[in-house]
Amino acid sequence: MTRQMYVVGNWKMHGLSADLVEVRAIADAAQSYTEVETALCIPALLIERAVRAVPGIPIGAQDVHFADKGAHTGCISAAMLKDAGASLVIVGHSERREAQRETDDEVRSKAVAALAAGLSVILCVGESLSVRESGKAVATVEEQLRRSIPEALSAADRFAVAYEPIWAIGTGKVASTDDIGEMHEAIRGQLEAAYGATGSSVRVLYGGSVKASNAAEIFSVASVDGALVGGASLTAADFIPIVEAAASAR
């Protein structure tokens, strides 16, 4: 089955109004690679401005609350993100699982809420270095995924899973192509077990120090359907070569 390549930038806590020029540059350049779905997940305060300034690229958020509304100071609901113009959201990133102590149940609730509101979801999973070195990486990620994904999924095109080994995020380290392939195949098996034929259409992305110099090698792995890109997504000069590599891979 051929799945469209999907390359998403995660700006994390970077970006001010002045940086909308990079959003615009990325959107303009991405139009040359129509075979790749390209998107940016930026700080929530920039979402509405980015959507207004650059309507040509999907703009998303980096987190969402699972409640529709209520006494949740500082939180943002899926309806609020949708109202601001967002079309997708990341849930379960390891930086939130670790720093904010998010559980698998919370991640699942966030994914369910976002999908119900009409947002696309990228759900992140990944193991620590100690788990990788103990030989339990695949089993750990399979269990994390099983506990985090929604029980039912009606539209595969609005749901993706990003495998991000924690030890490779922002470190310059990248998992070997064999390790990536093994993990992505395990994730695919979990998705098909959970969703049947629909699970075969869910895209599985790789994330963790993806950059122009290694993107082609990562995308050469048949089970990789794109990338969730951190620091290299902050500028068009760094990000667009990754999109180009994704286009060439298919």
Protein backbone atom coordinates (compact mmCIF):
# COMPACT_ATOMS: atom_id res chain seq x y z
CA MET A 1 0.00 0.00 0.00
CA THR A 2 1.35 3.43 -0.97
CA ARG A 3 0.81 6.10 1.67
CA GLN A 4 1.47 9.77 0.91
CA MET A 5 4.63 11.02 2.58
CA TYR A 6 3.99 13.36 5.49
CA VAL A 7 6.59 15.82 6.79
CA VAL A 8 5.64 17.92 9.80
CA GLY A 9 7.67 20.57 11.58
CA ASN A 10 7.43 20.88 15.36
CA TRP A 11 8.67 24.32 16.35
CA LYS A 12 8.37 23.57 20.08
CA MET A 13 8.85 26.77 22.14
CA HIS A 14 10.28 28.81 19.28
CA GLY A 15 8.65 31.50 17.19
CA LEU A 16 7.54 35.13 17.36
CA SER A 17 5.64 37.30 14.91
CA ALA A 18 8.86 38.04 13.08
CA ASP A 19 9.25 34.33 12.33
CA LEU A 20 6.11 34.23 10.22
CA VAL A 21 8.42 35.07 7.35
CA GLU A 22 9.84 31.53 7.68
CA VAL A 23 6.35 30.01 7.75
CA ARG A 24 5.65 31.87 4.53
CA ALA A 25 8.93 30.73 2.95
CA ILE A 26 8.27 27.11 3.91
CA ALA A 27 4.72 27.25 2.55
CA ASP A 28 5.87 28.77 -0.73
CA ALA A 29 8.63 26.24 -1.26
CA ALA A 30 6.51 23.24 -0.22
CA GLN A 31 4.13 23.93 -3.11
CA SER A 32 6.78 22.47 -5.42
CA TYR A 33 6.43 19.07 -3.74
CA THR A 34 2.77 18.22 -4.13
CA GLU A 35 3.44 14.50 -3.57
CA VAL A 36 4.33 15.30 0.05
CA GLU A 37 1.89 16.55 2.67
CA THR A 38 3.75 19.26 4.58
CA ALA A 39 2.59 20.91 7.80
CA LEU A 40 3.88 23.00 10.69
CA CYS A 41 2.98 22.73 14.38
CA ILE A 42 3.84 26.08 15.92
CA PRO A 43 3.27 27.83 19.28
CA ALA A 44 -0.44 28.32 19.97
CA LEU A 45 -0.14 32.11 20.08
CA LEU A 46 1.05 32.13 16.45
CA ILE A 47 -1.56 29.79 14.98
CA GLU A 48 -4.22 32.31 14.00
CA ARG A 49 -1.67 34.77 12.62
CA ALA A 50 0.04 32.05 10.60
CA VAL A 51 -3.25 30.77 9.17
CA ARG A 52 -4.25 34.28 8.13
CA ALA A 53 -0.85 35.13 6.68
CA VAL A 54 -0.11 31.81 4.99
CA PRO A 55 -3.28 29.90 4.04
CA GLY A 56 -1.35 27.53 1.80
CA ILE A 57 0.01 25.15 4.47
CA PRO A 58 -1.70 23.18 7.26
CA ILE A 59 -0.93 24.79 10.64
CA GLY A 60 -1.19 22.83 13.85
CA ALA A 61 -0.63 22.91 17.59
CA GLN A 62 1.75 21.00 19.82
CA ASP A 63 -0.73 19.96 22.52
CA VAL A 64 -4.43 20.04 23.39
CA HIS A 65 -6.57 19.49 26.49
CA PHE A 66 -9.00 16.59 26.48
CA ALA A 67 -11.94 18.55 27.93
CA ASP A 68 -14.29 20.61 25.78
CA LYS A 69 -14.20 23.50 28.28
CA GLY A 70 -14.04 24.15 32.00
CA ALA A 71 -11.81 25.11 34.91
CA HIS A 72 -8.48 24.24 33.31
CA THR A 73 -6.33 27.33 33.72
CA GLY A 74 -3.77 27.78 30.99
CA CYS A 75 -5.09 24.93 28.84
CA ILE A 76 -6.45 24.99 25.28
CA SER A 77 -9.29 22.82 23.99
CA ALA A 78 -9.60 21.21 20.59
CA ALA A 79 -12.50 23.54 19.74
CA MET A 80 -10.32 26.56 20.55
CA LEU A 81 -7.54 25.28 18.28
CA LYS A 82 -10.03 24.62 15.51
CA ASP A 83 -11.48 28.11 15.98
CA ALA A 84 -7.99 29.60 15.64
CA GLY A 85 -7.57 27.85 12.31
CA ALA A 86 -5.48 24.84 13.34
CA SER A 87 -6.01 21.66 11.34
CA LEU A 88 -3.83 19.24 13.30
CA VAL A 89 -2.23 18.68 16.69
CA ILE A 90 0.61 16.67 18.20
CA VAL A 91 -0.22 14.60 21.29
CA GLY A 92 1.99 12.52 23.56
CA HIS A 93 5.34 14.04 22.67
CA SER A 94 8.00 12.68 25.02
CA GLU A 95 8.83 16.18 26.20
CA ARG A 96 5.29 16.40 27.54
CA ARG A 97 5.13 12.83 28.76
CA GLU A 98 8.31 13.40 30.77
CA ALA A 99 8.26 17.06 31.79
CA GLN A 100 4.48 17.30 32.27
CA ARG A 101 4.06 13.71 33.52
CA GLU A 102 1.43 12.91 30.91
CA THR A 103 0.11 9.35 31.06
CA ASP A 104 -0.94 7.08 28.22
CA ASP A 105 -4.57 7.50 29.29
CA GLU A 106 -4.27 11.30 29.05
CA VAL A 107 -2.66 11.04 25.63
CA ARG A 108 -5.48 8.78 24.43
CA SER A 109 -8.11 11.21 25.76
CA LYS A 110 -6.41 14.10 23.98
CA ALA A 111 -6.29 12.18 20.71
CA VAL A 112 -9.98 11.25 20.98
CA ALA A 113 -10.98 14.85 21.75
CA ALA A 114 -8.94 16.27 18.87
CA LEU A 115 -10.29 13.77 16.33
CA ALA A 116 -13.85 14.43 17.49
CA ALA A 117 -13.32 18.15 16.91
CA GLY A 118 -12.18 17.53 13.35
CA LEU A 119 -8.45 17.95 13.91
CA SER A 120 -5.85 15.58 12.53
CA VAL A 121 -3.64 13.94 15.15
CA ILE A 122 0.01 12.93 15.31
CA LEU A 123 0.49 10.65 18.31
CA CYS A 124 4.06 10.21 19.54
CA VAL A 125 5.67 7.17 21.11
CA GLY A 126 9.27 6.33 21.92
CA GLU A 127 11.68 4.72 24.35
CA SER A 128 14.46 6.01 26.60
CA LEU A 129 18.12 5.09 26.14
CA SER A 130 18.05 2.78 29.15
CA VAL A 131 15.09 0.89 27.69
CA ARG A 132 16.82 0.65 24.30
CA GLU A 133 20.00 -0.69 25.91
CA SER A 134 18.02 -3.22 27.96
CA GLY A 135 16.66 -4.78 24.76
CA LYS A 136 13.06 -3.91 25.62
CA ALA A 137 12.53 -1.06 23.15
CA VAL A 138 10.03 -2.77 20.87
CA ALA A 139 7.95 -4.26 23.69
CA THR A 140 7.91 -0.93 25.53
CA VAL A 141 6.78 1.09 22.51
CA GLU A 142 4.17 -1.51 21.57
CA GLU A 143 2.67 -1.27 25.05
CA GLN A 144 2.85 2.53 25.05
CA LEU A 145 1.09 2.64 21.69
CA ARG A 146 -1.57 0.14 22.74
CA ARG A 147 -2.43 2.23 25.78
CA SER A 148 -2.35 5.58 23.91
CA ILE A 149 -4.29 5.10 20.70
CA PRO A 150 -8.06 5.62 20.45
CA GLU A 151 -10.14 2.45 20.68
CA ALA A 152 -11.77 3.16 17.32
CA LEU A 153 -10.55 5.05 14.25
CA SER A 154 -12.83 6.07 11.41
CA ALA A 155 -10.40 8.03 9.22
CA ALA A 156 -6.81 6.92 8.72
CA ASP A 157 -5.95 10.08 6.82
CA ARG A 158 -6.45 12.16 10.00
CA PHE A 159 -4.29 10.01 12.26
CA ALA A 160 -0.56 9.36 12.25
CA VAL A 161 1.92 7.85 14.69
CA ALA A 162 5.39 9.32 15.17
CA TYR A 163 8.12 7.06 16.52
CA GLU A 164 10.60 9.28 18.33
CA PRO A 165 13.29 7.51 20.34
CA ILE A 166 13.76 9.84 23.31
CA TRP A 167 17.52 9.47 23.22
CA ALA A 168 17.61 10.81 19.64
CA ILE A 169 15.57 13.99 20.18
CA GLY A 170 17.79 17.05 19.95
CA THR A 171 20.93 15.00 20.59
CA GLY A 172 22.22 14.59 17.07
CA LYS A 173 21.92 10.80 17.48
CA VAL A 174 19.74 8.93 15.02
CA ALA A 175 18.51 5.36 15.28
CA SER A 176 19.97 2.99 12.70
CA THR A 177 17.86 2.19 9.68
CA ASP A 178 17.54 -1.39 10.97
CA ASP A 179 16.26 -0.14 14.34
CA ILE A 180 13.83 2.25 12.65
CA GLY A 181 12.56 -0.45 10.33
CA GLU A 182 12.07 -2.93 13.16
CA MET A 183 10.15 -0.42 15.28
CA HIS A 184 8.00 0.86 12.45
CA GLU A 185 7.03 -2.69 11.48
CA ALA A 186 6.09 -3.39 15.11
CA ILE A 187 3.99 -0.21 15.21
CA ARG A 188 2.30 -1.18 11.94
CA GLY A 189 1.44 -4.55 13.43
CA GLN A 190 -0.13 -2.89 16.46
CA LEU A 191 -2.16 -0.52 14.28
CA GLU A 192 -3.45 -3.34 12.08
CA ALA A 193 -4.32 -5.41 15.15
CA ALA A 194 -6.27 -2.48 16.57
CA TYR A 195 -7.93 -1.13 13.42
CA GLY A 196 -7.78 -3.85 10.77
CA ALA A 197 -7.53 -2.56 7.20
CA THR A 198 -7.73 1.02 8.43
CA GLY A 199 -4.53 0.46 10.41
CA SER A 200 -2.71 -0.33 7.16
CA SER A 201 -3.40 3.23 5.95
CA VAL A 202 -2.21 5.09 9.07
CA ARG A 203 1.09 6.81 8.40
CA VAL A 204 4.04 6.09 10.69
CA LEU A 205 6.61 8.87 10.89
CA TYR A 206 10.12 8.95 12.31
CA GLY A 207 11.36 11.77 14.53
CA GLY A 208 14.64 12.39 16.30
CA SER A 209 17.37 14.67 14.94
CA VAL A 210 16.04 14.46 11.37
CA LYS A 211 17.88 16.87 9.10
CA ALA A 212 18.78 17.38 5.47
CA SER A 213 21.93 15.28 5.75
CA ASN A 214 20.19 12.12 6.99
CA ALA A 215 16.63 12.45 5.68
CA ALA A 216 17.19 10.46 2.48
CA GLU A 217 18.66 7.54 4.42
CA ILE A 218 15.76 7.56 6.90
CA PHE A 219 13.18 7.77 4.11
CA SER A 220 14.83 4.83 2.34
CA VAL A 221 13.30 2.59 5.01
CA ALA A 222 10.16 1.22 3.37
CA SER A 223 8.06 1.44 6.54
CA VAL A 224 8.80 5.14 7.08
CA ASP A 225 6.01 7.39 5.81
CA GLY A 226 7.60 10.74 6.66
CA ALA A 227 9.06 12.64 9.56
CA LEU A 228 8.26 14.78 12.57
CA VAL A 229 11.05 17.35 12.48
CA GLY A 230 12.19 19.51 15.38
CA GLY A 231 14.97 22.08 15.13
CA ALA A 232 15.48 21.63 11.40
CA SER A 233 11.92 22.85 10.76
CA LEU A 234 12.55 26.39 12.03
CA THR A 235 13.80 27.71 8.70
CA ALA A 236 12.95 26.99 5.10
CA ALA A 237 16.64 26.51 4.32
CA ASP A 238 16.84 23.55 6.71
CA PHE A 239 13.32 22.16 6.36
CA ILE A 240 12.62 22.14 2.63
CA PRO A 241 15.53 19.80 1.79
CA ILE A 242 13.85 17.26 4.09
CA VAL A 243 10.58 17.70 2.19
CA GLU A 244 12.50 17.26 -1.06
CA ALA A 245 14.05 14.04 0.26
CA ALA A 246 10.57 12.76 1.13
CA ALA A 247 9.37 13.52 -2.39
CA SER A 248 12.29 11.64 -3.90
CA ALA A 249 11.71 8.64 -1.64
CA ARG A 250 8.34 7.87 -3.20
